[in-house]
């Protein structure tokens, strides 16, 4: 896993940042001030979370007059979703293998106890 991947996982691993991402997906382009009214954290904390999300390229910001508007980077979000799906598939494969092994051990123990 690369440093960028680790930063991405860290960025989306925070509940406040996930809520901010949800709000951006639902509402399109919004300001940090608007976001701070939607989440139970300070505007300063929202701005820090936005900086983290921008660093991993999940969002972009643009200045319009005196305001800075934030929006989801759809392409990067899709890449992140695909990476998460791939990782989940890997976990599922490993869990199925563990389950098969546990079932085989259990069956062997059952046969052994029946012979005794």
Protein backbone atom coordinates (compact mmCIF):
# COMPACT_ATOMS: atom_id res chain seq x y z
CA UNK A 1 0.00 0.00 0.00
CA UNK A 2 1.38 3.41 -0.93
CA UNK A 3 1.52 6.48 1.29
CA UNK A 4 -1.29 8.02 -0.79
CA UNK A 5 -3.45 4.96 -0.17
CA UNK A 6 -2.73 5.14 3.55
CA UNK A 7 -3.63 8.82 3.58
CA UNK A 8 -6.85 8.09 1.71
CA UNK A 9 -7.85 5.36 4.17
CA UNK A 10 -7.03 7.65 7.06
CA UNK A 11 -9.05 10.49 5.52
CA UNK A 12 -12.19 8.42 5.03
CA UNK A 13 -11.74 6.67 8.37
CA UNK A 14 -12.93 9.72 10.28
CA UNK A 15 -16.67 9.96 11.00
CA UNK A 16 -16.74 13.76 10.65
CA UNK A 17 -15.04 13.63 7.26
CA UNK A 18 -17.44 10.92 6.11
CA UNK A 19 -20.36 13.13 7.13
CA UNK A 20 -18.81 16.07 5.25
CA UNK A 21 -18.39 13.88 2.17
CA UNK A 22 -22.03 12.78 2.45
CA UNK A 23 -23.15 16.41 2.66
CA UNK A 24 -21.08 17.34 -0.38
CA UNK A 25 -22.48 14.43 -2.38
CA UNK A 26 -26.04 15.39 -1.38
CA UNK A 27 -25.70 19.16 -1.81
CA UNK A 28 -23.08 19.77 -4.45
CA UNK A 29 -20.89 22.84 -4.04
CA UNK A 30 -21.10 24.44 -0.59
CA UNK A 31 -19.05 26.63 1.72
CA UNK A 32 -17.23 25.59 4.88
CA UNK A 33 -19.56 27.90 6.81
CA UNK A 34 -22.59 26.07 5.48
CA UNK A 35 -21.00 22.71 6.31
CA UNK A 36 -20.20 23.84 9.85
CA UNK A 37 -23.91 24.49 10.37
CA UNK A 38 -24.67 20.89 9.39
CA UNK A 39 -22.18 19.02 11.57
CA UNK A 40 -21.58 19.15 15.34
CA UNK A 41 -18.06 20.54 15.06
CA UNK A 42 -16.60 24.03 14.78
CA UNK A 43 -16.03 25.82 11.50
CA UNK A 44 -12.29 25.65 12.20
CA UNK A 45 -12.53 21.86 12.53
CA UNK A 46 -14.56 21.67 9.31
CA UNK A 47 -11.85 23.66 7.50
CA UNK A 48 -9.17 21.24 8.80
CA UNK A 49 -11.22 18.26 7.65
CA UNK A 50 -11.70 19.88 4.25
CA UNK A 51 -7.95 20.39 3.96
CA UNK A 52 -7.41 16.69 4.65
CA UNK A 53 -10.01 15.72 2.05
CA UNK A 54 -8.46 18.10 -0.46
CA UNK A 55 -4.99 16.69 0.25
CA UNK A 56 -6.15 13.20 -0.80
CA UNK A 57 -8.00 14.79 -3.74
CA UNK A 58 -11.49 13.71 -2.69
CA UNK A 59 -12.66 17.30 -2.89
CA UNK A 60 -11.66 20.47 -4.66
CA UNK A 61 -12.12 24.06 -3.61
CA UNK A 62 -12.57 27.19 -5.69
CA UNK A 63 -12.89 30.81 -4.76
CA UNK A 64 -15.99 32.70 -5.86
CA UNK A 65 -15.86 36.28 -4.70
CA UNK A 66 -15.25 36.21 -0.97
CA UNK A 67 -16.41 32.63 -0.55
CA UNK A 68 -14.60 29.36 -1.06
CA UNK A 69 -16.81 26.63 -2.47
CA UNK A 70 -16.07 22.97 -1.88
CA UNK A 71 -17.19 20.09 -4.05
CA UNK A 72 -16.60 16.37 -4.46
CA UNK A 73 -14.06 15.25 -7.03
CA UNK A 74 -16.29 12.63 -8.66
CA UNK A 75 -13.48 10.81 -10.48
CA UNK A 76 -11.33 10.51 -7.35
CA UNK A 77 -14.32 9.43 -5.25
CA UNK A 78 -15.04 6.71 -7.82
CA UNK A 79 -11.38 5.58 -7.66
CA UNK A 80 -11.60 5.47 -3.87
CA UNK A 81 -14.85 3.48 -4.01
CA UNK A 82 -13.27 0.98 -6.41
CA UNK A 83 -10.22 0.63 -4.16
CA UNK A 84 -12.49 0.03 -1.16
CA UNK A 85 -14.54 -2.55 -3.09
CA UNK A 86 -11.35 -4.36 -4.14
CA UNK A 87 -10.11 -4.41 -0.56
CA UNK A 88 -13.48 -5.67 0.69
CA UNK A 89 -13.42 -8.45 -1.93
CA UNK A 90 -9.97 -9.48 -0.67
CA UNK A 91 -11.22 -9.57 2.91
CA UNK A 92 -14.23 -11.63 1.83
CA UNK A 93 -11.97 -14.16 0.07
CA UNK A 94 -9.81 -14.49 3.17
CA UNK A 95 -12.84 -14.84 5.46
CA UNK A 96 -14.31 -17.56 3.22
CA UNK A 97 -10.97 -19.41 3.35
CA UNK A 98 -10.91 -19.13 7.16
CA UNK A 99 -14.49 -20.38 7.33
CA UNK A 100 -13.68 -23.39 5.11
CA UNK A 101 -10.65 -24.20 7.28
CA UNK A 102 -12.68 -23.90 10.49
CA UNK A 103 -15.42 -26.11 9.05
CA UNK A 104 -12.84 -28.73 7.98
CA UNK A 105 -11.26 -28.73 11.45
CA UNK A 106 -14.70 -29.03 13.05
CA UNK A 107 -15.60 -31.95 10.75
CA UNK A 108 -12.30 -33.68 11.59
CA UNK A 109 -12.98 -33.22 15.31
CA UNK A 110 -16.51 -34.60 14.89
CA UNK A 111 -15.20 -37.69 13.07
CA UNK A 112 -12.53 -38.19 15.74
CA UNK A 113 -15.06 -37.97 18.57
CA UNK A 114 -17.40 -40.41 16.79
CA UNK A 115 -14.57 -42.97 16.55
CA UNK A 116 -13.80 -42.72 20.26
